[in-house]
Amino acid sequence: MLPESALAEMYPVIMTPSHDGKYFHNYTLSLLNIVHTNAAYGLPLQVMMQRGESLITRAQQLRDHILRKQRMDAFIPD
């Protein structure tokens, strides 16, 4: 485990996808609070709010890609 001093050298990112670009008020306030609190402790934090993204769609695409690859691998002899 890294020592706590190593945290000061990190710059983590909170990424929030949104299909339609809308975010709930409480969630947005929580993001602002965590950024403010981290800054008070000298721990910078990035927030990216990506419009036009959907975790469900992305997961379905990944699932389909894996299933296609598995089907293709079944036809390739070792």
PDB file of N, CA and C in Angstrom:
ATOM      1  N   MET A   1       0.844  -1.179   0.000  1.00  0.00           N
ATOM      2  CA  MET A   1       0.000   0.000   0.000  1.00  0.00           C
ATOM      3  C   MET A   1       0.891   1.244   0.000  1.00  0.00           C
ATOM      4  N   LEU A   2       0.497   2.218  -0.756  1.00  0.00           N
ATOM      5  CA  LEU A   2       1.268   3.455  -0.844  1.00  0.00           C
ATOM      6  C   LEU A   2       1.136   4.271   0.433  1.00  0.00           C
ATOM      7  N   PRO A   3       2.173   5.021   0.771  1.00  0.00           N
ATOM      8  CA  PRO A   3       2.047   5.921   1.928  1.00  0.00           C
ATOM      9  C   PRO A   3       1.100   7.073   1.591  1.00  0.00           C
ATOM     10  N   GLU A   4       0.524   7.687   2.618  1.00  0.00           N
ATOM     11  CA  GLU A   4      -0.428   8.784   2.392  1.00  0.00           C
ATOM     12  C   GLU A   4       0.228   9.949   1.655  1.00  0.00           C
ATOM     13  N   SER A   5       1.524  10.139   1.829  1.00  0.00           N
ATOM     14  CA  SER A   5       2.215  11.244   1.153  1.00  0.00           C
ATOM     15  C   SER A   5       2.166  11.086  -0.373  1.00  0.00           C
ATOM     16  N   ALA A   6       2.013   9.851  -0.847  1.00  0.00           N
ATOM     17  CA  ALA A   6       1.942   9.615  -2.293  1.00  0.00           C
ATOM     18  C   ALA A   6       0.658  10.181  -2.893  1.00  0.00           C
ATOM     19  N   LEU A   7      -0.366  10.360  -2.081  1.00  0.00           N
ATOM     20  CA  LEU A   7      -1.632  10.900  -2.579  1.00  0.00           C
ATOM     21  C   LEU A   7      -1.469  12.316  -3.123  1.00  0.00           C
ATOM     22  N   ALA A   8      -0.561  13.076  -2.540  1.00  0.00           N
ATOM     23  CA  ALA A   8      -0.363  14.460  -2.983  1.00  0.00           C
ATOM     24  C   ALA A   8       0.176  14.523  -4.409  1.00  0.00           C
ATOM     25  N   GLU A   9       0.790  13.440  -4.888  1.00  0.00           N
ATOM     26  CA  GLU A   9       1.349  13.419  -6.235  1.00  0.00           C
ATOM     27  C   GLU A   9       0.360  12.878  -7.267  1.00  0.00           C
ATOM     28  N   MET A  10      -0.790  12.430  -6.817  1.00  0.00           N
ATOM     29  CA  MET A  10      -1.785  11.870  -7.728  1.00  0.00           C
ATOM     30  C   MET A  10      -2.809  12.933  -8.107  1.00  0.00           C
ATOM     31  N   TYR A  11      -3.428  12.738  -9.244  1.00  0.00           N
ATOM     32  CA  TYR A  11      -4.443  13.673  -9.727  1.00  0.00           C
ATOM     33  C   TYR A  11      -5.603  12.848 -10.275  1.00  0.00           C
ATOM     34  N   PRO A  12      -6.384  12.232  -9.363  1.00  0.00           N
ATOM     35  CA  PRO A  12      -7.448  11.325  -9.806  1.00  0.00           C
ATOM     36  C   PRO A  12      -8.545  12.043 -10.581  1.00  0.00           C
ATOM     37  N   VAL A  13      -9.275  11.245 -11.360  1.00  0.00           N
ATOM     38  CA  VAL A  13     -10.354  11.760 -12.185  1.00  0.00           C
ATOM     39  C   VAL A  13     -11.655  11.055 -11.818  1.00  0.00           C
ATOM     40  N   ILE A  14     -12.714  11.823 -11.621  1.00  0.00           N
ATOM     41  CA  ILE A  14     -14.058  11.270 -11.470  1.00  0.00           C
ATOM     42  C   ILE A  14     -14.750  11.514 -12.803  1.00  0.00           C
ATOM     43  N   MET A  15     -15.095  10.442 -13.494  1.00  0.00           N
ATOM     44  CA  MET A  15     -15.738  10.574 -14.798  1.00  0.00           C
ATOM     45  C   MET A  15     -17.205  10.196 -14.665  1.00  0.00           C
ATOM     46  N   THR A  16     -18.067  11.062 -15.154  1.00  0.00           N
ATOM     47  CA  THR A  16     -19.499  10.855 -15.028  1.00  0.00           C
ATOM     48  C   THR A  16     -20.149  10.918 -16.402  1.00  0.00           C
ATOM     49  N   PRO A  17     -20.542   9.765 -16.936  1.00  0.00           N
ATOM     50  CA  PRO A  17     -21.245   9.785 -18.223  1.00  0.00           C
ATOM     51  C   PRO A  17     -22.709  10.176 -18.033  1.00  0.00           C
ATOM     52  N   SER A  18     -23.273  10.721 -19.065  1.00  0.00           N
ATOM     53  CA  SER A  18     -24.694  11.055 -19.049  1.00  0.00           C
ATOM     54  C   SER A  18     -25.217  10.979 -20.476  1.00  0.00           C
ATOM     55  N   HIS A  19     -26.252  10.208 -20.657  1.00  0.00           N
ATOM     56  CA  HIS A  19     -26.805  10.029 -21.998  1.00  0.00           C
ATOM     57  C   HIS A  19     -27.315  11.349 -22.567  1.00  0.00           C
ATOM     58  N   ASP A  20     -28.030  12.097 -21.743  1.00  0.00           N
ATOM     59  CA  ASP A  20     -28.658  13.324 -22.247  1.00  0.00           C
ATOM     60  C   ASP A  20     -28.022  14.606 -21.707  1.00  0.00           C
ATOM     61  N   GLY A  21     -26.930  14.481 -20.946  1.00  0.00           N
ATOM     62  CA  GLY A  21     -26.248  15.668 -20.436  1.00  0.00           C
ATOM     63  C   GLY A  21     -26.890  16.262 -19.205  1.00  0.00           C
ATOM     64  N   LYS A  22     -27.825  15.560 -18.603  1.00  0.00           N
ATOM     65  CA  LYS A  22     -28.495  16.058 -17.400  1.00  0.00           C
ATOM     66  C   LYS A  22     -27.962  15.311 -16.182  1.00  0.00           C
ATOM     67  N   TYR A  23     -27.740  16.039 -15.097  1.00  0.00           N
ATOM     68  CA  TYR A  23     -27.234  15.467 -13.853  1.00  0.00           C
ATOM     69  C   TYR A  23     -28.143  15.894 -12.708  1.00  0.00           C
ATOM     70  N   PHE A  24     -28.369  14.993 -11.784  1.00  0.00           N
ATOM     71  CA  PHE A  24     -29.200  15.320 -10.632  1.00  0.00           C
ATOM     72  C   PHE A  24     -28.492  16.351  -9.764  1.00  0.00           C
ATOM     73  N   HIS A  25     -29.283  17.247  -9.211  1.00  0.00           N
ATOM     74  CA  HIS A  25     -28.778  18.338  -8.380  1.00  0.00           C
ATOM     75  C   HIS A  25     -27.928  17.815  -7.220  1.00  0.00           C
ATOM     76  N   ASN A  26     -28.415  16.819  -6.485  1.00  0.00           N
ATOM     77  CA  ASN A  26     -27.687  16.296  -5.324  1.00  0.00           C
ATOM     78  C   ASN A  26     -26.356  15.678  -5.731  1.00  0.00           C
ATOM     79  N   TYR A  27     -26.327  14.985  -6.851  1.00  0.00           N
ATOM     80  CA  TYR A  27     -25.083  14.393  -7.330  1.00  0.00           C
ATOM     81  C   TYR A  27     -24.071  15.483  -7.676  1.00  0.00           C
ATOM     82  N   THR A  28     -24.529  16.518  -8.372  1.00  0.00           N
ATOM     83  CA  THR A  28     -23.642  17.610  -8.758  1.00  0.00           C
ATOM     84  C   THR A  28     -23.099  18.327  -7.529  1.00  0.00           C
ATOM     85  N   LEU A  29     -23.953  18.557  -6.534  1.00  0.00           N
ATOM     86  CA  LEU A  29     -23.482  19.175  -5.293  1.00  0.00           C
ATOM     87  C   LEU A  29     -22.452  18.296  -4.590  1.00  0.00           C
ATOM     88  N   SER A  30     -22.660  17.001  -4.613  1.00  0.00           N
ATOM     89  CA  SER A  30     -21.698  16.080  -4.002  1.00  0.00           C
ATOM     90  C   SER A  30     -20.348  16.162  -4.702  1.00  0.00           C
ATOM     91  N   LEU A  31     -20.366  16.242  -6.037  1.00  0.00           N
ATOM     92  CA  LEU A  31     -19.113  16.391  -6.776  1.00  0.00           C
ATOM     93  C   LEU A  31     -18.395  17.682  -6.388  1.00  0.00           C
ATOM     94  N   LEU A  32     -19.151  18.764  -6.321  1.00  0.00           N
ATOM     95  CA  LEU A  32     -18.544  20.041  -5.945  1.00  0.00           C
ATOM     96  C   LEU A  32     -17.969  19.975  -4.534  1.00  0.00           C
ATOM     97  N   ASN A  33     -18.693  19.329  -3.621  1.00  0.00           N
ATOM     98  CA  ASN A  33     -18.210  19.207  -2.247  1.00  0.00           C
ATOM     99  C   ASN A  33     -16.940  18.382  -2.151  1.00  0.00           C
ATOM    100  N   ILE A  34     -16.859  17.276  -2.885  1.00  0.00           N
ATOM    101  CA  ILE A  34     -15.654  16.451  -2.807  1.00  0.00           C
ATOM    102  C   ILE A  34     -14.457  17.164  -3.422  1.00  0.00           C
ATOM    103  N   VAL A  35     -14.679  17.918  -4.501  1.00  0.00           N
ATOM    104  CA  VAL A  35     -13.590  18.690  -5.099  1.00  0.00           C
ATOM    105  C   VAL A  35     -13.105  19.744  -4.108  1.00  0.00           C
ATOM    106  N   HIS A  36     -14.025  20.442  -3.467  1.00  0.00           N
ATOM    107  CA  HIS A  36     -13.676  21.482  -2.503  1.00  0.00           C
ATOM    108  C   HIS A  36     -12.944  20.894  -1.299  1.00  0.00           C
ATOM    109  N   THR A  37     -13.451  19.784  -0.771  1.00  0.00           N
ATOM    110  CA  THR A  37     -12.832  19.146   0.397  1.00  0.00           C
ATOM    111  C   THR A  37     -11.431  18.652   0.060  1.00  0.00           C
ATOM    112  N   ASN A  38     -11.283  18.010  -1.101  1.00  0.00           N
ATOM    113  CA  ASN A  38      -9.956  17.537  -1.494  1.00  0.00           C
ATOM    114  C   ASN A  38      -8.984  18.695  -1.659  1.00  0.00           C
ATOM    115  N   ALA A  39      -9.440  19.792  -2.251  1.00  0.00           N
ATOM    116  CA  ALA A  39      -8.573  20.963  -2.429  1.00  0.00           C
ATOM    117  C   ALA A  39      -8.127  21.516  -1.074  1.00  0.00           C
ATOM    118  N   ALA A  40      -9.016  21.494  -0.080  1.00  0.00           N
ATOM    119  CA  ALA A  40      -8.677  21.983   1.252  1.00  0.00           C
ATOM    120  C   ALA A  40      -7.559  21.145   1.882  1.00  0.00           C
ATOM    121  N   TYR A  41      -7.490  19.867   1.512  1.00  0.00           N
ATOM    122  CA  TYR A  41      -6.442  18.981   2.026  1.00  0.00           C
ATOM    123  C   TYR A  41      -5.228  18.917   1.093  1.00  0.00           C
ATOM    124  N   GLY A  42      -5.243  19.719   0.036  1.00  0.00           N
ATOM    125  CA  GLY A  42      -4.130  19.737  -0.901  1.00  0.00           C
ATOM    126  C   GLY A  42      -4.100  18.542  -1.835  1.00  0.00           C
ATOM    127  N   LEU A  43      -5.263  17.939  -2.058  1.00  0.00           N
ATOM    128  CA  LEU A  43      -5.365  16.776  -2.942  1.00  0.00           C
ATOM    129  C   LEU A  43      -6.223  17.152  -4.150  1.00  0.00           C
ATOM    130  N   PRO A  44      -5.588  17.521  -5.252  1.00  0.00           N
ATOM    131  CA  PRO A  44      -6.353  17.952  -6.426  1.00  0.00           C
ATOM    132  C   PRO A  44      -7.177  16.808  -7.015  1.00  0.00           C
ATOM    133  N   LEU A  45      -8.242  17.170  -7.638  1.00  0.00           N
ATOM    134  CA  LEU A  45      -9.171  16.194  -8.196  1.00  0.00           C
ATOM    135  C   LEU A  45      -9.748  16.765  -9.481  1.00  0.00           C
ATOM    136  N   GLN A  46      -9.886  15.923 -10.501  1.00  0.00           N
ATOM    137  CA  GLN A  46     -10.505  16.332 -11.756  1.00  0.00           C
ATOM    138  C   GLN A  46     -11.897  15.727 -11.854  1.00  0.00           C
ATOM    139  N   VAL A  47     -12.798  16.438 -12.477  1.00  0.00           N
ATOM    140  CA  VAL A  47     -14.140  15.920 -12.737  1.00  0.00           C
ATOM    141  C   VAL A  47     -14.418  16.108 -14.223  1.00  0.00           C
ATOM    142  N   MET A  48     -14.824  15.030 -14.870  1.00  0.00           N
ATOM    143  CA  MET A  48     -15.215  15.098 -16.276  1.00  0.00           C
ATOM    144  C   MET A  48     -16.662  14.635 -16.378  1.00  0.00           C
ATOM    145  N   MET A  49     -17.491  15.479 -16.939  1.00  0.00           N
ATOM    146  CA  MET A  49     -18.903  15.152 -17.120  1.00  0.00           C
ATOM    147  C   MET A  49     -19.145  15.035 -18.618  1.00  0.00           C
ATOM    148  N   GLN A  50     -19.232  13.804 -19.075  1.00  0.00           N
ATOM    149  CA  GLN A  50     -19.293  13.528 -20.511  1.00  0.00           C
ATOM    150  C   GLN A  50     -20.736  13.376 -20.988  1.00  0.00           C
ATOM    151  N   ARG A  51     -21.152  14.260 -21.860  1.00  0.00           N
ATOM    152  CA  ARG A  51     -22.497  14.186 -22.434  1.00  0.00           C
ATOM    153  C   ARG A  51     -22.499  13.203 -23.597  1.00  0.00           C
ATOM    154  N   GLY A  52     -23.611  12.548 -23.789  1.00  0.00           N
ATOM    155  CA  GLY A  52     -23.746  11.638 -24.912  1.00  0.00           C
ATOM    156  C   GLY A  52     -23.171  10.260 -24.646  1.00  0.00           C
ATOM    157  N   GLU A  53     -22.869   9.954 -23.403  1.00  0.00           N
ATOM    158  CA  GLU A  53     -22.343   8.643 -23.029  1.00  0.00           C
ATOM    159  C   GLU A  53     -23.395   7.908 -22.210  1.00  0.00           C
ATOM    160  N   SER A  54     -23.378   6.624 -22.311  1.00  0.00           N
ATOM    161  CA  SER A  54     -24.292   5.805 -21.531  1.00  0.00           C
ATOM    162  C   SER A  54     -23.566   4.537 -21.107  1.00  0.00           C
ATOM    163  N   LEU A  55     -23.495   4.295 -19.807  1.00  0.00           N
ATOM    164  CA  LEU A  55     -22.830   3.090 -19.322  1.00  0.00           C
ATOM    165  C   LEU A  55     -23.544   1.835 -19.797  1.00  0.00           C
ATOM    166  N   ILE A  56     -24.862   1.905 -19.892  1.00  0.00           N
ATOM    167  CA  ILE A  56     -25.621   0.733 -20.337  1.00  0.00           C
ATOM    168  C   ILE A  56     -25.293   0.417 -21.783  1.00  0.00           C
ATOM    169  N   THR A  57     -25.314   1.427 -22.638  1.00  0.00           N
ATOM    170  CA  THR A  57     -24.990   1.217 -24.050  1.00  0.00           C
ATOM    171  C   THR A  57     -23.561   0.724 -24.201  1.00  0.00           C
ATOM    172  N   ARG A  58     -22.638   1.324 -23.473  1.00  0.00           N
ATOM    173  CA  ARG A  58     -21.238   0.917 -23.556  1.00  0.00           C
ATOM    174  C   ARG A  58     -21.066  -0.525 -23.089  1.00  0.00           C
ATOM    175  N   ALA A  59     -21.743  -0.907 -22.006  1.00  0.00           N
ATOM    176  CA  ALA A  59     -21.657  -2.285 -21.501  1.00  0.00           C
ATOM    177  C   ALA A  59     -22.245  -3.272 -22.514  1.00  0.00           C
ATOM    178  N   GLN A  60     -23.352  -2.894 -23.148  1.00  0.00           N
ATOM    179  CA  GLN A  60     -23.952  -3.771 -24.155  1.00  0.00           C
ATOM    180  C   GLN A  60     -23.017  -3.945 -25.352  1.00  0.00           C
ATOM    181  N   GLN A  61     -22.366  -2.868 -25.767  1.00  0.00           N
ATOM    182  CA  GLN A  61     -21.428  -2.960 -26.882  1.00  0.00           C
ATOM    183  C   GLN A  61     -20.236  -3.840 -26.516  1.00  0.00           C
ATOM    184  N   LEU A  62     -19.742  -3.705 -25.304  1.00  0.00           N
ATOM    185  CA  LEU A  62     -18.633  -4.537 -24.859  1.00  0.00           C
ATOM    186  C   LEU A  62     -19.045  -6.002 -24.800  1.00  0.00           C
ATOM    187  N   ARG A  63     -20.241  -6.254 -24.277  1.00  0.00           N
ATOM    188  CA  ARG A  63     -20.757  -7.625 -24.222  1.00  0.00           C
ATOM    189  C   ARG A  63     -20.851  -8.219 -25.619  1.00  0.00           C
ATOM    190  N   ASP A  64     -21.418  -7.460 -26.553  1.00  0.00           N
ATOM    191  CA  ASP A  64     -21.564  -7.946 -27.927  1.00  0.00           C
ATOM    192  C   ASP A  64     -20.203  -8.215 -28.571  1.00  0.00           C
ATOM    193  N   HIS A  65     -19.240  -7.336 -28.296  1.00  0.00           N
ATOM    194  CA  HIS A  65     -17.894  -7.525 -28.845  1.00  0.00           C
ATOM    195  C   HIS A  65     -17.277  -8.820 -28.298  1.00  0.00           C
ATOM    196  N   ILE A  66     -17.418  -9.050 -27.005  1.00  0.00           N
ATOM    197  CA  ILE A  66     -16.870 -10.267 -26.388  1.00  0.00           C
ATOM    198  C   ILE A  66     -17.551 -11.503 -26.950  1.00  0.00           C
ATOM    199  N   LEU A  67     -18.870 -11.449 -27.090  1.00  0.00           N
ATOM    200  CA  LEU A  67     -19.596 -12.610 -27.630  1.00  0.00           C
ATOM    201  C   LEU A  67     -19.194 -12.896 -29.075  1.00  0.00           C
ATOM    202  N   ARG A  68     -19.036 -11.846 -29.897  1.00  0.00           N
ATOM    203  CA  ARG A  68     -18.596 -12.047 -31.280  1.00  0.00           C
ATOM    204  C   ARG A  68     -17.211 -12.677 -31.323  1.00  0.00           C
ATOM    205  N   LYS A  69     -16.321 -12.190 -30.468  1.00  0.00           N
ATOM    206  CA  LYS A  69     -14.960 -12.733 -30.434  1.00  0.00           C
ATOM    207  C   LYS A  69     -14.983 -14.193 -30.001  1.00  0.00           C
ATOM    208  N   GLN A  70     -15.815 -14.537 -29.017  1.00  0.00           N
ATOM    209  CA  GLN A  70     -15.903 -15.923 -28.570  1.00  0.00           C
ATOM    210  C   GLN A  70     -16.429 -16.823 -29.687  1.00  0.00           C
ATOM    211  N   ARG A  71     -17.416 -16.339 -30.431  1.00  0.00           N
ATOM    212  CA  ARG A  71     -17.953 -17.130 -31.546  1.00  0.00           C
ATOM    213  C   ARG A  71     -16.906 -17.308 -32.636  1.00  0.00           C
ATOM    214  N   MET A  72     -16.143 -16.254 -32.916  1.00  0.00           N
ATOM    215  CA  MET A  72     -15.103 -16.349 -33.936  1.00  0.00           C
ATOM    216  C   MET A  72     -13.997 -17.305 -33.471  1.00  0.00           C
ATOM    217  N   ASP A  73     -13.630 -17.238 -32.210  1.00  0.00           N
ATOM    218  CA  ASP A  73     -12.578 -18.122 -31.682  1.00  0.00           C
ATOM    219  C   ASP A  73     -12.998 -19.581 -31.736  1.00  0.00           C
ATOM    220  N   ALA A  74     -14.289 -19.828 -31.657  1.00  0.00           N
ATOM    221  CA  ALA A  74     -14.775 -21.218 -31.691  1.00  0.00           C
ATOM    222  C   ALA A  74     -14.526 -21.855 -33.050  1.00  0.00           C
ATOM    223  N   PHE A  75     -14.400 -21.043 -34.103  1.00  0.00           N
ATOM    224  CA  PHE A  75     -14.213 -21.576 -35.448  1.00  0.00           C
ATOM    225  C   PHE A  75     -12.746 -21.606 -35.876  1.00  0.00           C
ATOM    226  N   ILE A  76     -11.880 -21.065 -35.031  1.00  0.00           N
ATOM    227  CA  ILE A  76     -10.452 -21.068 -35.370  1.00  0.00           C
ATOM    228  C   ILE A  76      -9.786 -22.245 -34.676  1.00  0.00           C
ATOM    229  N   PRO A  77      -9.238 -23.182 -35.432  1.00  0.00           N
ATOM    230  CA  PRO A  77      -8.594 -24.341 -34.803  1.00  0.00           C
ATOM    231  C   PRO A  77      -7.300 -23.956 -34.111  1.00  0.00           C
ATOM    232  N   ASP A  78      -6.981 -24.674 -33.054  1.00  0.00           N
ATOM    233  CA  ASP A  78      -5.724 -24.423 -32.310  1.00  0.00           C
ATOM    234  C   ASP A  78      -4.529 -24.966 -33.027  1.00  0.00           C
TER     235      ASP A  78
END
